[in-house]
Amino acid sequence: TVYLQMRSLKPEDTAVYYCAADVAGWRFPAQYYND
């Protein structure tokens, strides 16, 4: 399980939040995440 603790939330944080897994490396762009 992975968690995201969000504090001091702002209206600009309003969004759909997605969890994703990268099976190939330590990367950050969304395109590299597999699932």
All heavy atoms as atom14 arrays in JSON, in Angstrom:
{
  "sequence": "TVYLQMRSLKPEDTAVYYCAADVAGWRFPAQYYND",
  "atom14_mask": [
    [1, 1, 1, 1, 1, 1, 1, 0, 0, 0, 0, 0, 0, 0],
    [1, 1, 1, 1, 1, 1, 1, 0, 0, 0, 0, 0, 0, 0],
    [1, 1, 1, 1, 1, 1, 1, 1, 1, 1, 1, 1, 0, 0],
    [1, 1, 1, 1, 1, 1, 1, 1, 0, 0, 0, 0, 0, 0],
    [1, 1, 1, 1, 1, 1, 1, 1, 1, 0, 0, 0, 0, 0],
    [1, 1, 1, 1, 1, 1, 1, 1, 0, 0, 0, 0, 0, 0],
    [1, 1, 1, 1, 1, 1, 1, 1, 1, 1, 1, 0, 0, 0],
    [1, 1, 1, 1, 1, 1, 0, 0, 0, 0, 0, 0, 0, 0],
    [1, 1, 1, 1, 1, 1, 1, 1, 0, 0, 0, 0, 0, 0],
    [1, 1, 1, 1, 1, 1, 1, 1, 1, 0, 0, 0, 0, 0],
    [1, 1, 1, 1, 1, 1, 1, 0, 0, 0, 0, 0, 0, 0],
    [1, 1, 1, 1, 1, 1, 1, 1, 1, 0, 0, 0, 0, 0],
    [1, 1, 1, 1, 1, 1, 1, 1, 0, 0, 0, 0, 0, 0],
    [1, 1, 1, 1, 1, 1, 1, 0, 0, 0, 0, 0, 0, 0],
    [1, 1, 1, 1, 1, 0, 0, 0, 0, 0, 0, 0, 0, 0],
    [1, 1, 1, 1, 1, 1, 1, 0, 0, 0, 0, 0, 0, 0],
    [1, 1, 1, 1, 1, 1, 1, 1, 1, 1, 1, 1, 0, 0],
    [1, 1, 1, 1, 1, 1, 1, 1, 1, 1, 1, 1, 0, 0],
    [1, 1, 1, 1, 1, 1, 0, 0, 0, 0, 0, 0, 0, 0],
    [1, 1, 1, 1, 1, 0, 0, 0, 0, 0, 0, 0, 0, 0],
    [1, 1, 1, 1, 1, 0, 0, 0, 0, 0, 0, 0, 0, 0],
    [1, 1, 1, 1, 1, 1, 1, 1, 0, 0, 0, 0, 0, 0],
    [1, 1, 1, 1, 1, 1, 1, 0, 0, 0, 0, 0, 0, 0],
    [1, 1, 1, 1, 1, 0, 0, 0, 0, 0, 0, 0, 0, 0],
    [1, 1, 1, 1, 0, 0, 0, 0, 0, 0, 0, 0, 0, 0],
    [1, 1, 1, 1, 1, 1, 1, 1, 1, 1, 1, 1, 1, 1],
    [1, 1, 1, 1, 1, 1, 1, 1, 1, 1, 1, 0, 0, 0],
    [1, 1, 1, 1, 1, 1, 1, 1, 1, 1, 1, 0, 0, 0],
    [1, 1, 1, 1, 1, 1, 1, 0, 0, 0, 0, 0, 0, 0],
    [1, 1, 1, 1, 1, 0, 0, 0, 0, 0, 0, 0, 0, 0],
    [1, 1, 1, 1, 1, 1, 1, 1, 1, 0, 0, 0, 0, 0],
    [1, 1, 1, 1, 1, 1, 1, 1, 1, 1, 1, 1, 0, 0],
    [1, 1, 1, 1, 1, 1, 1, 1, 1, 1, 1, 1, 0, 0],
    [1, 1, 1, 1, 1, 1, 1, 1, 0, 0, 0, 0, 0, 0],
    [1, 1, 1, 1, 1, 1, 1, 1, 0, 0, 0, 0, 0, 0]
  ],
  "atom14_positions": [
    [[0.82, -1.19, 0.0], [0.0, 0.0, 0.0], [0.87, 1.25, 0.0], [1.88, 1.31, 0.7], [-0.93, 0.02, 1.22], [-1.77, -1.14, 1.19], [-1.8, 1.27, 1.22], [0.0, 0.0, 0.0], [0.0, 0.0, 0.0], [0.0, 0.0, 0.0], [0.0, 0.0, 0.0], [0.0, 0.0, 0.0], [0.0, 0.0, 0.0], [0.0, 0.0, 0.0]],
    [[0.46, 2.22, -0.78], [1.11, 3.52, -0.8], [0.1, 4.56, -0.35], [-1.1, 4.45, -0.62], [1.68, 3.84, -2.19], [0.58, 3.95, -3.23], [2.52, 5.11, -2.15], [0.0, 0.0, 0.0], [0.0, 0.0, 0.0], [0.0, 0.0, 0.0], [0.0, 0.0, 0.0], [0.0, 0.0, 0.0], [0.0, 0.0, 0.0], [0.0, 0.0, 0.0]],
    [[0.59, 5.57, 0.35], [-0.26, 6.6, 0.91], [0.16, 7.98, 0.41], [1.32, 8.21, 0.09], [-0.19, 6.6, 2.44], [-0.49, 5.26, 3.06], [0.53, 4.37, 3.37], [-1.8, 4.89, 3.35], [0.25, 3.14, 3.95], [-2.09, 3.66, 3.92], [-1.05, 2.79, 4.22], [-1.33, 1.57, 4.79], [0.0, 0.0, 0.0], [0.0, 0.0, 0.0]],
    [[-0.78, 8.87, 0.4], [-0.49, 10.27, 0.15], [-1.19, 11.08, 1.23], [-2.42, 11.21, 1.21], [-0.96, 10.72, -1.24], [-0.56, 12.14, -1.62], [0.96, 12.25, -1.79], [-1.26, 12.58, -2.9], [0.0, 0.0, 0.0], [0.0, 0.0, 0.0], [0.0, 0.0, 0.0], [0.0, 0.0, 0.0], [0.0, 0.0, 0.0], [0.0, 0.0, 0.0]],
    [[-0.41, 11.57, 2.17], [-0.94, 12.43, 3.21], [-0.92, 13.86, 2.7], [0.15, 14.39, 2.38], [-0.11, 12.31, 4.49], [-0.58, 13.2, 5.62], [-1.94, 12.81, 6.15], [-2.14, 11.67, 6.56], [-2.88, 13.74, 6.14], [0.0, 0.0, 0.0], [0.0, 0.0, 0.0], [0.0, 0.0, 0.0], [0.0, 0.0, 0.0], [0.0, 0.0, 0.0]],
    [[-2.08, 14.48, 2.63], [-2.21, 15.82, 2.09], [-2.6, 16.76, 3.22], [-3.59, 16.53, 3.91], [-3.25, 15.85, 0.97], [-2.97, 14.86, -0.16], [-4.16, 15.0, -1.52], [-5.64, 14.44, -0.68], [0.0, 0.0, 0.0], [0.0, 0.0, 0.0], [0.0, 0.0, 0.0], [0.0, 0.0, 0.0], [0.0, 0.0, 0.0], [0.0, 0.0, 0.0]],
    [[-1.84, 17.8, 3.39], [-2.08, 18.79, 4.41], [-2.18, 20.18, 3.78], [-1.72, 20.4, 2.68], [-0.96, 18.78, 5.45], [-0.74, 17.44, 6.13], [0.44, 17.51, 7.09], [0.69, 16.24, 7.76], [1.46, 15.27, 7.27], [2.07, 15.42, 6.11], [1.62, 14.14, 7.95], [0.0, 0.0, 0.0], [0.0, 0.0, 0.0], [0.0, 0.0, 0.0]],
    [[-2.74, 21.1, 4.55], [-2.88, 22.48, 4.08], [-3.45, 22.53, 2.67], [-2.93, 23.22, 1.79], [-1.52, 23.19, 4.14], [-1.01, 23.21, 5.46], [0.0, 0.0, 0.0], [0.0, 0.0, 0.0], [0.0, 0.0, 0.0], [0.0, 0.0, 0.0], [0.0, 0.0, 0.0], [0.0, 0.0, 0.0], [0.0, 0.0, 0.0], [0.0, 0.0, 0.0]],
    [[-4.52, 21.82, 2.48], [-5.1, 21.71, 1.16], [-5.65, 23.05, 0.68], [-6.18, 23.85, 1.46], [-6.2, 20.66, 1.15], [-5.69, 19.22, 1.15], [-6.79, 18.25, 1.57], [-5.16, 18.85, -0.23], [0.0, 0.0, 0.0], [0.0, 0.0, 0.0], [0.0, 0.0, 0.0], [0.0, 0.0, 0.0], [0.0, 0.0, 0.0], [0.0, 0.0, 0.0]],
    [[-5.52, 23.26, -0.61], [-5.97, 24.47, -1.27], [-7.02, 24.11, -2.31], [-7.04, 22.99, -2.82], [-4.8, 25.17, -1.96], [-3.61, 25.46, -1.06], [-2.45, 26.01, -1.88], [-1.24, 26.28, -1.02], [-0.11, 26.8, -1.83], [0.0, 0.0, 0.0], [0.0, 0.0, 0.0], [0.0, 0.0, 0.0], [0.0, 0.0, 0.0], [0.0, 0.0, 0.0]],
    [[-7.88, 25.06, -2.66], [-8.84, 24.79, -3.74], [-8.17, 24.33, -5.03], [-8.75, 23.53, -5.77], [-9.55, 26.13, -3.92], [-9.49, 26.76, -2.58], [-8.14, 26.36, -2.03], [0.0, 0.0, 0.0], [0.0, 0.0, 0.0], [0.0, 0.0, 0.0], [0.0, 0.0, 0.0], [0.0, 0.0, 0.0], [0.0, 0.0, 0.0], [0.0, 0.0, 0.0]],
    [[-6.96, 24.8, -5.28], [-6.22, 24.41, -6.47], [-5.83, 22.94, -6.46], [-5.44, 22.4, -7.5], [-4.96, 25.26, -6.62], [-5.21, 26.75, -6.64], [-5.14, 27.35, -5.25], [-4.02, 27.64, -4.78], [-6.22, 27.53, -4.64], [0.0, 0.0, 0.0], [0.0, 0.0, 0.0], [0.0, 0.0, 0.0], [0.0, 0.0, 0.0], [0.0, 0.0, 0.0]],
    [[-5.92, 22.29, -5.31], [-5.63, 20.86, -5.22], [-6.8, 20.0, -5.68], [-6.66, 18.78, -5.77], [-5.26, 20.48, -3.79], [-4.0, 21.15, -3.31], [-3.03, 21.24, -4.1], [-3.96, 21.59, -2.14], [0.0, 0.0, 0.0], [0.0, 0.0, 0.0], [0.0, 0.0, 0.0], [0.0, 0.0, 0.0], [0.0, 0.0, 0.0], [0.0, 0.0, 0.0]],
    [[-7.93, 20.62, -5.94], [-9.1, 19.87, -6.39], [-8.8, 19.17, -7.71], [-8.4, 19.81, -8.69], [-10.3, 20.8, -6.55], [-10.66, 21.34, -5.28], [-11.49, 20.05, -7.12], [0.0, 0.0, 0.0], [0.0, 0.0, 0.0], [0.0, 0.0, 0.0], [0.0, 0.0, 0.0], [0.0, 0.0, 0.0], [0.0, 0.0, 0.0], [0.0, 0.0, 0.0]],
    [[-8.97, 17.87, -7.72], [-8.65, 17.08, -8.91], [-9.02, 15.63, -8.64], [-9.33, 15.24, -7.51], [-7.17, 17.18, -9.26], [0.0, 0.0, 0.0], [0.0, 0.0, 0.0], [0.0, 0.0, 0.0], [0.0, 0.0, 0.0], [0.0, 0.0, 0.0], [0.0, 0.0, 0.0], [0.0, 0.0, 0.0], [0.0, 0.0, 0.0], [0.0, 0.0, 0.0]],
    [[-8.96, 14.84, -9.69], [-8.99, 13.39, -9.54], [-7.56, 12.94, -9.32], [-6.67, 13.26, -10.11], [-9.6, 12.69, -10.76], [-9.53, 11.18, -10.6], [-11.05, 13.14, -10.96], [0.0, 0.0, 0.0], [0.0, 0.0, 0.0], [0.0, 0.0, 0.0], [0.0, 0.0, 0.0], [0.0, 0.0, 0.0], [0.0, 0.0, 0.0], [0.0, 0.0, 0.0]],
    [[-7.34, 12.2, -8.27], [-6.01, 11.73, -7.93], [-5.86, 10.26, -8.32], [-6.72, 9.43, -8.0], [-5.74, 11.91, -6.43], [-5.42, 13.34, -6.07], [-6.42, 14.3, -6.09], [-4.13, 13.72, -5.75], [-6.13, 15.62, -5.78], [-3.83, 15.04, -5.44], [-4.84, 15.99, -5.45], [-4.54, 17.29, -5.15], [0.0, 0.0, 0.0], [0.0, 0.0, 0.0]],
    [[-4.78, 9.98, -9.0], [-4.51, 8.64, -9.49], [-3.24, 8.08, -8.88], [-2.24, 8.77, -8.76], [-4.33, 8.64, -11.01], [-5.54, 9.08, -11.79], [-5.73, 10.41, -12.14], [-6.5, 8.15, -12.19], [-6.83, 10.82, -12.86], [-7.61, 8.55, -12.93], [-7.76, 9.88, -13.25], [-8.86, 10.28, -13.98], [0.0, 0.0, 0.0], [0.0, 0.0, 0.0]],
    [[-3.3, 6.84, -8.52], [-2.13, 6.08, -8.11], [-1.62, 5.3, -9.31], [-2.41, 4.79, -10.11], [-2.5, 5.14, -6.97], [-1.17, 4.06, -6.39], [0.0, 0.0, 0.0], [0.0, 0.0, 0.0], [0.0, 0.0, 0.0], [0.0, 0.0, 0.0], [0.0, 0.0, 0.0], [0.0, 0.0, 0.0], [0.0, 0.0, 0.0], [0.0, 0.0, 0.0]],
    [[-0.31, 5.21, -9.45], [0.26, 4.51, -10.58], [1.53, 3.77, -10.17], [2.22, 4.17, -9.24], [0.58, 5.49, -11.71], [0.0, 0.0, 0.0], [0.0, 0.0, 0.0], [0.0, 0.0, 0.0], [0.0, 0.0, 0.0], [0.0, 0.0, 0.0], [0.0, 0.0, 0.0], [0.0, 0.0, 0.0], [0.0, 0.0, 0.0], [0.0, 0.0, 0.0]],
    [[1.8, 2.69, -10.88], [2.98, 1.87, -10.63], [3.91, 1.9, -11.83], [3.46, 1.77, -12.97], [2.58, 0.44, -10.31], [0.0, 0.0, 0.0], [0.0, 0.0, 0.0], [0.0, 0.0, 0.0], [0.0, 0.0, 0.0], [0.0, 0.0, 0.0], [0.0, 0.0, 0.0], [0.0, 0.0, 0.0], [0.0, 0.0, 0.0], [0.0, 0.0, 0.0]],
    [[5.17, 2.06, -11.55], [6.22, 2.0, -12.56], [7.02, 0.74, -12.28], [7.62, 0.62, -11.22], [7.09, 3.25, -12.47], [8.16, 3.32, -13.55], [8.37, 2.33, -14.27], [8.8, 4.39, -13.68], [0.0, 0.0, 0.0], [0.0, 0.0, 0.0], [0.0, 0.0, 0.0], [0.0, 0.0, 0.0], [0.0, 0.0, 0.0], [0.0, 0.0, 0.0]],
    [[7.03, -0.17, -13.22], [7.73, -1.44, -13.03], [9.12, -1.43, -13.63], [9.83, -2.42, -13.54], [6.92, -2.61, -13.6], [5.56, -2.69, -12.94], [6.78, -2.49, -15.12], [0.0, 0.0, 0.0], [0.0, 0.0, 0.0], [0.0, 0.0, 0.0], [0.0, 0.0, 0.0], [0.0, 0.0, 0.0], [0.0, 0.0, 0.0], [0.0, 0.0, 0.0]],
    [[9.53, -0.32, -14.22], [10.78, -0.29, -14.97], [11.85, 0.6, -14.4], [13.02, 0.48, -14.79], [10.51, 0.1, -16.42], [0.0, 0.0, 0.0], [0.0, 0.0, 0.0], [0.0, 0.0, 0.0], [0.0, 0.0, 0.0], [0.0, 0.0, 0.0], [0.0, 0.0, 0.0], [0.0, 0.0, 0.0], [0.0, 0.0, 0.0], [0.0, 0.0, 0.0]],
    [[11.49, 1.52, -13.51], [12.52, 2.4, -13.0], [12.01, 3.45, -12.04], [10.85, 3.44, -11.62], [0.0, 0.0, 0.0], [0.0, 0.0, 0.0], [0.0, 0.0, 0.0], [0.0, 0.0, 0.0], [0.0, 0.0, 0.0], [0.0, 0.0, 0.0], [0.0, 0.0, 0.0], [0.0, 0.0, 0.0], [0.0, 0.0, 0.0], [0.0, 0.0, 0.0]],
    [[12.88, 4.33, -11.68], [12.61, 5.44, -10.76], [12.45, 6.67, -11.63], [13.41, 7.4, -11.9], [13.77, 5.54, -9.78], [13.79, 6.66, -8.8], [14.85, 7.47, -8.52], [12.73, 7.1, -7.93], [14.54, 8.37, -7.54], [13.24, 8.18, -7.15], [11.42, 6.7, -7.74], [12.46, 8.84, -6.2], [10.64, 7.37, -6.8], [11.17, 8.42, -6.04]],
    [[11.22, 6.88, -12.07], [10.91, 7.91, -13.05], [9.67, 8.68, -12.62], [8.92, 8.25, -11.75], [10.72, 7.29, -14.43], [11.92, 6.45, -14.86], [11.7, 5.75, -16.19], [10.68, 4.71, -16.11], [10.39, 3.88, -17.09], [11.06, 3.96, -18.24], [9.44, 2.96, -16.94], [0.0, 0.0, 0.0], [0.0, 0.0, 0.0], [0.0, 0.0, 0.0]],
    [[9.44, 9.79, -13.27], [8.38, 10.69, -12.81], [7.32, 11.06, -13.85], [6.15, 11.24, -13.47], [9.0, 11.95, -12.22], [10.09, 11.65, -11.23], [11.41, 11.95, -11.5], [9.78, 11.02, -10.03], [12.41, 11.64, -10.59], [10.78, 10.7, -9.12], [12.1, 11.02, -9.4], [0.0, 0.0, 0.0], [0.0, 0.0, 0.0], [0.0, 0.0, 0.0]],
    [[7.65, 11.2, -15.12], [6.58, 11.51, -16.07], [5.54, 10.41, -16.13], [5.84, 9.22, -16.03], [7.33, 11.63, -17.4], [8.74, 11.95, -17.03], [8.97, 11.19, -15.76], [0.0, 0.0, 0.0], [0.0, 0.0, 0.0], [0.0, 0.0, 0.0], [0.0, 0.0, 0.0], [0.0, 0.0, 0.0], [0.0, 0.0, 0.0], [0.0, 0.0, 0.0]],
    [[4.29, 10.81, -16.3], [3.19, 9.86, -16.28], [3.33, 8.79, -17.35], [2.88, 7.66, -17.16], [1.87, 10.61, -16.45], [0.0, 0.0, 0.0], [0.0, 0.0, 0.0], [0.0, 0.0, 0.0], [0.0, 0.0, 0.0], [0.0, 0.0, 0.0], [0.0, 0.0, 0.0], [0.0, 0.0, 0.0], [0.0, 0.0, 0.0], [0.0, 0.0, 0.0]],
    [[3.95, 9.14, -18.46], [4.04, 8.2, -19.57], [4.83, 6.95, -19.23], [4.69, 5.94, -19.92], [4.68, 8.9, -20.78], [6.12, 9.31, -20.56], [6.6, 10.29, -21.59], [6.43, 11.5, -21.43], [7.2, 9.78, -22.66], [0.0, 0.0, 0.0], [0.0, 0.0, 0.0], [0.0, 0.0, 0.0], [0.0, 0.0, 0.0], [0.0, 0.0, 0.0]],
    [[5.65, 7.0, -18.2], [6.47, 5.85, -17.85], [5.78, 4.88, -16.9], [6.29, 3.8, -16.64], [7.78, 6.31, -17.23], [8.69, 7.02, -18.21], [8.91, 8.38, -18.12], [9.3, 6.31, -19.23], [9.74, 9.04, -19.02], [10.13, 6.95, -20.13], [10.34, 8.31, -20.02], [11.17, 8.95, -20.92], [0.0, 0.0, 0.0], [0.0, 0.0, 0.0]],
    [[4.64, 5.26, -16.38], [3.94, 4.41, -15.43], [3.05, 3.43, -16.17], [2.35, 3.78, -17.12], [3.16, 5.26, -14.43], [4.09, 5.89, -13.43], [4.88, 6.98, -13.78], [4.2, 5.38, -12.14], [5.76, 7.53, -12.87], [5.07, 5.94, -11.23], [5.85, 7.02, -11.6], [6.72, 7.58, -10.69], [0.0, 0.0, 0.0], [0.0, 0.0, 0.0]],
    [[3.07, 2.2, -15.72], [2.47, 1.1, -16.44], [1.02, 0.83, -16.05], [0.19, 0.54, -16.91], [3.29, -0.18, -16.23], [4.75, 0.01, -16.55], [5.56, 0.29, -15.66], [5.1, -0.15, -17.82], [0.0, 0.0, 0.0], [0.0, 0.0, 0.0], [0.0, 0.0, 0.0], [0.0, 0.0, 0.0], [0.0, 0.0, 0.0], [0.0, 0.0, 0.0]],
    [[0.75, 0.88, -14.77], [-0.55, 0.5, -14.26], [-1.13, 1.64, -13.43], [-0.42, 2.27, -12.66], [-0.45, -0.78, -13.42], [0.11, -1.94, -14.22], [-0.52, -2.32, -15.22], [1.19, -2.45, -13.85], [0.0, 0.0, 0.0], [0.0, 0.0, 0.0], [0.0, 0.0, 0.0], [0.0, 0.0, 0.0], [0.0, 0.0, 0.0], [0.0, 0.0, 0.0]]
  ]
}
